[in-house]
């Protein structure tokens, strides 16, 4: 599989999505879930874009309006947890140490709040065992890291060293990736011991322990 482009562009965190953007995101996620279910059942290699479009109830031309390759179709699903994590960090109150904010947000982002999220996590587990989706998985985490950099910079203030902000974002994102990949290799549930949330908390705590993290600025 050739290298795929980065998943779809995102609005800035402060921008409120328009109705058309929300509908676009909903359609993308519906297609992503259809693709994920088929990939989990058959594998990416045995699934075609036509199969995905048919399962999602959309025309093939609609599929290609949103995605340029069948593998890319699962990116919105794989990215959902990371975007939720960044949003939680951005909304968290000023005051707690940054490592604590990262850890709490990781647990909340990866702990199911209903059947739909639990199902998405279980589907994600099956996707992570498919070698054909490795490029998409890596691209999703690079995007997540890029989103986390300005969120951390805003919390740390203008005096923070940009290199250290970037290092913290890279370490925290790697912690989430390792936690999910480790969970996918087991039969642990979506909650409780060995769950994504528990492993994420441990990974974030251990990976950020040696970083120099700065005082935060109050939210406006």
C-alpha atoms as a PDB file:
ATOM      1  CA  UNK A   1       0.000   0.000   0.000  1.00  0.00           C
ATOM      2  CA  UNK A   2       1.378   3.381  -0.966  1.00  0.00           C
ATOM      3  CA  UNK A   3       1.686   6.110   1.631  1.00  0.00           C
ATOM      4  CA  UNK A   4      -1.630   7.813   2.231  1.00  0.00           C
ATOM      5  CA  UNK A   5      -2.226  11.515   2.638  1.00  0.00           C
ATOM      6  CA  UNK A   6      -2.977  12.848   6.071  1.00  0.00           C
ATOM      7  CA  UNK A   7      -6.621  12.367   7.122  1.00  0.00           C
ATOM      8  CA  UNK A   8      -9.038  15.175   6.380  1.00  0.00           C
ATOM      9  CA  UNK A   9      -8.211  18.720   7.448  1.00  0.00           C
ATOM     10  CA  UNK A  10      -9.689  19.914  10.712  1.00  0.00           C
ATOM     11  CA  UNK A  11     -11.029  23.295  11.793  1.00  0.00           C
ATOM     12  CA  UNK A  12      -9.135  25.147  14.492  1.00  0.00           C
ATOM     13  CA  UNK A  13     -10.115  24.105  18.050  1.00  0.00           C
ATOM     14  CA  UNK A  14     -11.701  27.498  18.721  1.00  0.00           C
ATOM     15  CA  UNK A  15     -13.860  27.473  15.569  1.00  0.00           C
ATOM     16  CA  UNK A  16     -17.438  26.273  15.969  1.00  0.00           C
ATOM     17  CA  UNK A  17     -18.249  23.781  13.189  1.00  0.00           C
ATOM     18  CA  UNK A  18     -20.922  24.858  10.729  1.00  0.00           C
ATOM     19  CA  UNK A  19     -23.958  22.692  10.004  1.00  0.00           C
ATOM     20  CA  UNK A  20     -22.377  21.474   6.767  1.00  0.00           C
ATOM     21  CA  UNK A  21     -19.134  20.613   8.607  1.00  0.00           C
ATOM     22  CA  UNK A  22     -21.068  18.657  11.219  1.00  0.00           C
ATOM     23  CA  UNK A  23     -22.953  16.752   8.544  1.00  0.00           C
ATOM     24  CA  UNK A  24     -19.700  16.051   6.736  1.00  0.00           C
ATOM     25  CA  UNK A  25     -18.152  14.714   9.943  1.00  0.00           C
ATOM     26  CA  UNK A  26     -21.211  12.525  10.600  1.00  0.00           C
ATOM     27  CA  UNK A  27     -21.065  11.070   7.095  1.00  0.00           C
ATOM     28  CA  UNK A  28     -17.341  10.439   7.398  1.00  0.00           C
ATOM     29  CA  UNK A  29     -17.821   8.644  10.693  1.00  0.00           C
ATOM     30  CA  UNK A  30     -20.645   6.499   9.274  1.00  0.00           C
ATOM     31  CA  UNK A  31     -18.405   5.475   6.388  1.00  0.00           C
ATOM     32  CA  UNK A  32     -15.535   4.899   8.827  1.00  0.00           C
ATOM     33  CA  UNK A  33     -17.614   2.557  10.968  1.00  0.00           C
ATOM     34  CA  UNK A  34     -18.745   0.619   7.889  1.00  0.00           C
ATOM     35  CA  UNK A  35     -15.137   0.338   6.700  1.00  0.00           C
ATOM     36  CA  UNK A  36     -13.928  -0.677  10.142  1.00  0.00           C
ATOM     37  CA  UNK A  37     -16.517  -3.429  10.470  1.00  0.00           C
ATOM     38  CA  UNK A  38     -15.612  -4.832   7.050  1.00  0.00           C
ATOM     39  CA  UNK A  39     -11.873  -4.568   7.657  1.00  0.00           C
ATOM     40  CA  UNK A  40     -12.269  -6.295  11.019  1.00  0.00           C
ATOM     41  CA  UNK A  41     -14.302  -9.083   9.438  1.00  0.00           C
ATOM     42  CA  UNK A  42     -12.411  -9.608   6.152  1.00  0.00           C
ATOM     43  CA  UNK A  43      -9.185  -7.651   6.409  1.00  0.00           C
ATOM     44  CA  UNK A  44      -8.360  -4.504   4.484  1.00  0.00           C
ATOM     45  CA  UNK A  45      -6.896  -6.333   1.504  1.00  0.00           C
ATOM     46  CA  UNK A  46     -10.096  -8.300   0.841  1.00  0.00           C
ATOM     47  CA  UNK A  47     -12.370  -5.256   1.162  1.00  0.00           C
ATOM     48  CA  UNK A  48     -13.047  -2.844  -1.702  1.00  0.00           C
ATOM     49  CA  UNK A  49     -14.175   0.772  -1.699  1.00  0.00           C
ATOM     50  CA  UNK A  50     -17.378  -0.457  -3.367  1.00  0.00           C
ATOM     51  CA  UNK A  51     -17.976  -2.818  -0.428  1.00  0.00           C
ATOM     52  CA  UNK A  52     -17.560   0.041   2.035  1.00  0.00           C
ATOM     53  CA  UNK A  53     -19.845   2.413   0.137  1.00  0.00           C
ATOM     54  CA  UNK A  54     -22.534  -0.244  -0.140  1.00  0.00           C
ATOM     55  CA  UNK A  55     -22.336  -1.085   3.559  1.00  0.00           C
ATOM     56  CA  UNK A  56     -22.480   2.605   4.523  1.00  0.00           C
ATOM     57  CA  UNK A  57     -25.447   3.211   2.211  1.00  0.00           C
ATOM     58  CA  UNK A  58     -23.698   5.844   0.093  1.00  0.00           C
ATOM     59  CA  UNK A  59     -22.764   6.085  -3.569  1.00  0.00           C
ATOM     60  CA  UNK A  60     -19.215   5.227  -4.556  1.00  0.00           C
ATOM     61  CA  UNK A  61     -18.698   8.798  -5.750  1.00  0.00           C
ATOM     62  CA  UNK A  62     -19.719   9.979  -2.258  1.00  0.00           C
ATOM     63  CA  UNK A  63     -17.095   7.693  -0.753  1.00  0.00           C
ATOM     64  CA  UNK A  64     -14.409   9.200  -2.969  1.00  0.00           C
ATOM     65  CA  UNK A  65     -15.584  12.702  -2.139  1.00  0.00           C
ATOM     66  CA  UNK A  66     -14.432  12.076   1.427  1.00  0.00           C
ATOM     67  CA  UNK A  67     -11.598   9.564   1.048  1.00  0.00           C
ATOM     68  CA  UNK A  68      -8.944   8.971  -1.584  1.00  0.00           C
ATOM     69  CA  UNK A  69      -8.223   5.369  -0.621  1.00  0.00           C
ATOM     70  CA  UNK A  70     -10.151   2.613   1.108  1.00  0.00           C
ATOM     71  CA  UNK A  71      -7.636   2.380   3.956  1.00  0.00           C
ATOM     72  CA  UNK A  72      -8.023   6.066   4.708  1.00  0.00           C
ATOM     73  CA  UNK A  73     -11.726   5.520   5.401  1.00  0.00           C
ATOM     74  CA  UNK A  74     -11.043   4.288   8.941  1.00  0.00           C
ATOM     75  CA  UNK A  75      -9.030   7.392   9.897  1.00  0.00           C
ATOM     76  CA  UNK A  76     -12.003   9.282  11.460  1.00  0.00           C
ATOM     77  CA  UNK A  77     -12.717   6.341  13.751  1.00  0.00           C
ATOM     78  CA  UNK A  78      -9.079   5.873  14.737  1.00  0.00           C
ATOM     79  CA  UNK A  79      -8.707   9.620  15.308  1.00  0.00           C
ATOM     80  CA  UNK A  80     -11.846  10.059  17.433  1.00  0.00           C
ATOM     81  CA  UNK A  81     -10.210   9.187  20.759  1.00  0.00           C
ATOM     82  CA  UNK A  82      -7.222  11.455  20.139  1.00  0.00           C
ATOM     83  CA  UNK A  83      -9.409  14.409  19.233  1.00  0.00           C
ATOM     84  CA  UNK A  84     -11.519  13.839  22.312  1.00  0.00           C
ATOM     85  CA  UNK A  85      -8.340  13.759  24.420  1.00  0.00           C
ATOM     86  CA  UNK A  86      -7.035  17.041  23.005  1.00  0.00           C
ATOM     87  CA  UNK A  87     -10.446  18.688  23.499  1.00  0.00           C
ATOM     88  CA  UNK A  88     -10.504  17.573  27.144  1.00  0.00           C
ATOM     89  CA  UNK A  89      -7.034  19.038  27.686  1.00  0.00           C
ATOM     90  CA  UNK A  90      -8.090  22.324  26.112  1.00  0.00           C
ATOM     91  CA  UNK A  91     -11.181  22.525  28.341  1.00  0.00           C
ATOM     92  CA  UNK A  92      -9.514  21.430  31.571  1.00  0.00           C
ATOM     93  CA  UNK A  93      -9.303  24.076  34.310  1.00  0.00           C
ATOM     94  CA  UNK A  94      -6.075  25.869  35.093  1.00  0.00           C
ATOM     95  CA  UNK A  95      -4.330  24.838  38.268  1.00  0.00           C
ATOM     96  CA  UNK A  96      -3.560  21.102  38.247  1.00  0.00           C
ATOM     97  CA  UNK A  97      -0.032  20.128  37.125  1.00  0.00           C
ATOM     98  CA  UNK A  98       0.150  19.439  33.411  1.00  0.00           C
ATOM     99  CA  UNK A  99       1.101  15.731  33.787  1.00  0.00           C
ATOM    100  CA  UNK A 100      -2.045  15.276  35.887  1.00  0.00           C
ATOM    101  CA  UNK A 101      -4.166  17.031  33.249  1.00  0.00           C
ATOM    102  CA  UNK A 102      -2.750  14.771  30.518  1.00  0.00           C
ATOM    103  CA  UNK A 103      -3.344  11.623  32.548  1.00  0.00           C
ATOM    104  CA  UNK A 104      -6.906  12.477  33.561  1.00  0.00           C
ATOM    105  CA  UNK A 105      -7.829  13.479  30.021  1.00  0.00           C
ATOM    106  CA  UNK A 106      -6.366  10.222  28.658  1.00  0.00           C
ATOM    107  CA  UNK A 107      -8.443   8.134  31.049  1.00  0.00           C
ATOM    108  CA  UNK A 108     -11.645  10.016  30.248  1.00  0.00           C
ATOM    109  CA  UNK A 109     -11.042   9.972  26.493  1.00  0.00           C
ATOM    110  CA  UNK A 110     -10.482   6.208  26.398  1.00  0.00           C
ATOM    111  CA  UNK A 111     -13.150   5.134  28.900  1.00  0.00           C
ATOM    112  CA  UNK A 112     -16.426   4.299  27.129  1.00  0.00           C
ATOM    113  CA  UNK A 113     -19.354   6.534  28.039  1.00  0.00           C
ATOM    114  CA  UNK A 114     -21.855   4.291  26.283  1.00  0.00           C
ATOM    115  CA  UNK A 115     -22.310   1.266  24.042  1.00  0.00           C
ATOM    116  CA  UNK A 116     -21.349   3.151  20.875  1.00  0.00           C
ATOM    117  CA  UNK A 117     -17.910   4.100  22.160  1.00  0.00           C
ATOM    118  CA  UNK A 118     -17.304   0.629  23.598  1.00  0.00           C
ATOM    119  CA  UNK A 119     -18.172  -0.848  20.199  1.00  0.00           C
ATOM    120  CA  UNK A 120     -15.840   1.596  18.464  1.00  0.00           C
ATOM    121  CA  UNK A 121     -12.995   0.605  20.782  1.00  0.00           C
ATOM    122  CA  UNK A 122     -13.559  -3.097  20.136  1.00  0.00           C
ATOM    123  CA  UNK A 123     -13.574  -2.502  16.389  1.00  0.00           C
ATOM    124  CA  UNK A 124     -10.405  -0.430  16.752  1.00  0.00           C
ATOM    125  CA  UNK A 125      -8.764  -3.337  18.543  1.00  0.00           C
ATOM    126  CA  UNK A 126      -9.327  -5.548  15.511  1.00  0.00           C
ATOM    127  CA  UNK A 127      -8.075  -2.873  13.141  1.00  0.00           C
ATOM    128  CA  UNK A 128      -4.789  -2.538  15.017  1.00  0.00           C
ATOM    129  CA  UNK A 129      -3.904  -6.135  14.164  1.00  0.00           C
ATOM    130  CA  UNK A 130      -4.164  -5.459  10.401  1.00  0.00           C
ATOM    131  CA  UNK A 131      -0.706  -4.644   8.971  1.00  0.00           C
ATOM    132  CA  UNK A 132      -2.320  -2.974   5.953  1.00  0.00           C
ATOM    133  CA  UNK A 133      -3.613  -0.167   8.160  1.00  0.00           C
ATOM    134  CA  UNK A 134      -0.299   0.658   9.835  1.00  0.00           C
ATOM    135  CA  UNK A 135       0.318   3.751   7.696  1.00  0.00           C
ATOM    136  CA  UNK A 136      -3.126   5.137   8.537  1.00  0.00           C
ATOM    137  CA  UNK A 137      -2.578   4.462  12.236  1.00  0.00           C
ATOM    138  CA  UNK A 138       0.768   6.267  12.205  1.00  0.00           C
ATOM    139  CA  UNK A 139      -0.697   9.220  10.278  1.00  0.00           C
ATOM    140  CA  UNK A 140      -3.545   9.538  12.769  1.00  0.00           C
ATOM    141  CA  UNK A 141      -1.123   9.752  15.666  1.00  0.00           C
ATOM    142  CA  UNK A 142       1.065  12.278  13.898  1.00  0.00           C
ATOM    143  CA  UNK A 143      -2.030  14.441  13.409  1.00  0.00           C
ATOM    144  CA  UNK A 144      -2.920  14.007  17.072  1.00  0.00           C
ATOM    145  CA  UNK A 145       0.568  15.104  18.107  1.00  0.00           C
ATOM    146  CA  UNK A 146       0.315  18.153  15.856  1.00  0.00           C
ATOM    147  CA  UNK A 147      -3.021  19.083  17.453  1.00  0.00           C
ATOM    148  CA  UNK A 148      -1.637  18.634  20.954  1.00  0.00           C
ATOM    149  CA  UNK A 149       1.311  21.025  20.475  1.00  0.00           C
ATOM    150  CA  UNK A 150      -0.762  24.277  20.464  1.00  0.00           C
ATOM    151  CA  UNK A 151      -2.974  22.962  23.270  1.00  0.00           C
ATOM    152  CA  UNK A 152       0.077  22.413  25.496  1.00  0.00           C
ATOM    153  CA  UNK A 153       1.665  25.694  24.415  1.00  0.00           C
ATOM    154  CA  UNK A 154      -1.480  27.575  25.458  1.00  0.00           C
ATOM    155  CA  UNK A 155      -1.424  25.974  28.905  1.00  0.00           C
ATOM    156  CA  UNK A 156       2.284  26.507  29.456  1.00  0.00           C
ATOM    157  CA  UNK A 157       2.410  30.156  28.414  1.00  0.00           C
ATOM    158  CA  UNK A 158       4.734  32.172  26.182  1.00  0.00           C
ATOM    159  CA  UNK A 159       7.811  31.513  28.338  1.00  0.00           C
ATOM    160  CA  UNK A 160       7.729  27.787  27.575  1.00  0.00           C
ATOM    161  CA  UNK A 161      10.506  26.398  25.397  1.00  0.00           C
ATOM    162  CA  UNK A 162       8.875  25.358  22.064  1.00  0.00           C
ATOM    163  CA  UNK A 163      11.202  22.372  21.815  1.00  0.00           C
ATOM    164  CA  UNK A 164      10.116  21.094  25.215  1.00  0.00           C
ATOM    165  CA  UNK A 165       6.450  21.660  24.343  1.00  0.00           C
ATOM    166  CA  UNK A 166       6.935  19.592  21.195  1.00  0.00           C
ATOM    167  CA  UNK A 167       8.771  16.892  23.138  1.00  0.00           C
ATOM    168  CA  UNK A 168       5.978  16.721  25.690  1.00  0.00           C
ATOM    169  CA  UNK A 169       3.380  16.415  22.916  1.00  0.00           C
ATOM    170  CA  UNK A 170       5.367  13.648  21.245  1.00  0.00           C
ATOM    171  CA  UNK A 171       5.820  11.729  24.496  1.00  0.00           C
ATOM    172  CA  UNK A 172       2.171  12.040  25.501  1.00  0.00           C
ATOM    173  CA  UNK A 173       0.934  10.987  22.068  1.00  0.00           C
ATOM    174  CA  UNK A 174       3.306   8.027  22.038  1.00  0.00           C
ATOM    175  CA  UNK A 175       1.931   7.025  25.431  1.00  0.00           C
ATOM    176  CA  UNK A 176      -1.598   6.843  24.034  1.00  0.00           C
ATOM    177  CA  UNK A 177      -0.449   4.883  20.986  1.00  0.00           C
ATOM    178  CA  UNK A 178       1.480   2.363  23.057  1.00  0.00           C
ATOM    179  CA  UNK A 179      -1.441   1.960  25.454  1.00  0.00           C
ATOM    180  CA  UNK A 180      -3.902   1.208  22.650  1.00  0.00           C
ATOM    181  CA  UNK A 181      -1.542  -1.136  20.829  1.00  0.00           C
ATOM    182  CA  UNK A 182      -0.774  -2.992  24.058  1.00  0.00           C
ATOM    183  CA  UNK A 183      -4.471  -3.314  24.859  1.00  0.00           C
ATOM    184  CA  UNK A 184      -5.229  -4.549  21.330  1.00  0.00           C
ATOM    185  CA  UNK A 185      -2.793  -7.418  21.842  1.00  0.00           C
ATOM    186  CA  UNK A 186      -4.783  -8.713  24.835  1.00  0.00           C
ATOM    187  CA  UNK A 187      -8.339  -9.800  25.552  1.00  0.00           C
ATOM    188  CA  UNK A 188      -8.858  -7.196  28.308  1.00  0.00           C
ATOM    189  CA  UNK A 189     -12.156  -5.345  28.363  1.00  0.00           C
ATOM    190  CA  UNK A 190     -12.852  -1.725  27.514  1.00  0.00           C
ATOM    191  CA  UNK A 191     -13.029  -0.895  31.230  1.00  0.00           C
ATOM    192  CA  UNK A 192     -11.292  -2.200  34.335  1.00  0.00           C
ATOM    193  CA  UNK A 193      -7.843  -3.845  34.603  1.00  0.00           C
ATOM    194  CA  UNK A 194      -5.852  -3.737  31.390  1.00  0.00           C
ATOM    195  CA  UNK A 195      -8.368  -1.431  29.675  1.00  0.00           C
ATOM    196  CA  UNK A 196      -7.309   1.381  27.320  1.00  0.00           C
ATOM    197  CA  UNK A 197      -7.967   4.002  29.998  1.00  0.00           C
ATOM    198  CA  UNK A 198      -5.938   2.222  32.642  1.00  0.00           C
ATOM    199  CA  UNK A 199      -3.022   1.539  30.309  1.00  0.00           C
ATOM    200  CA  UNK A 200      -3.108   5.114  28.995  1.00  0.00           C
ATOM    201  CA  UNK A 201      -2.874   6.516  32.523  1.00  0.00           C
ATOM    202  CA  UNK A 202       0.139   4.336  33.256  1.00  0.00           C
ATOM    203  CA  UNK A 203       1.875   5.138  29.959  1.00  0.00           C
ATOM    204  CA  UNK A 204       1.284   8.887  30.217  1.00  0.00           C
ATOM    205  CA  UNK A 205       2.503   8.901  33.817  1.00  0.00           C
ATOM    206  CA  UNK A 206       5.693   6.986  33.029  1.00  0.00           C
ATOM    207  CA  UNK A 207       6.544   8.751  29.760  1.00  0.00           C
ATOM    208  CA  UNK A 208       6.047  12.261  31.139  1.00  0.00           C
ATOM    209  CA  UNK A 209       7.812  11.628  34.446  1.00  0.00           C
ATOM    210  CA  UNK A 210      11.187  12.722  33.106  1.00  0.00           C
ATOM    211  CA  UNK A 211       9.967  15.754  31.197  1.00  0.00           C
ATOM    212  CA  UNK A 212      10.307  19.303  32.444  1.00  0.00           C
ATOM    213  CA  UNK A 213       6.757  20.593  32.389  1.00  0.00           C
ATOM    214  CA  UNK A 214       5.962  24.193  33.113  1.00  0.00           C
ATOM    215  CA  UNK A 215       3.543  26.299  35.053  1.00  0.00           C
ATOM    216  CA  UNK A 216       0.232  26.923  33.359  1.00  0.00           C
ATOM    217  CA  UNK A 217      -1.450  30.119  32.390  1.00  0.00           C
ATOM    218  CA  UNK A 218      -5.040  30.765  33.444  1.00  0.00           C
ATOM    219  CA  UNK A 219      -7.649  30.157  30.778  1.00  0.00           C
ATOM    220  CA  UNK A 220      -9.273  33.287  29.412  1.00  0.00           C
END
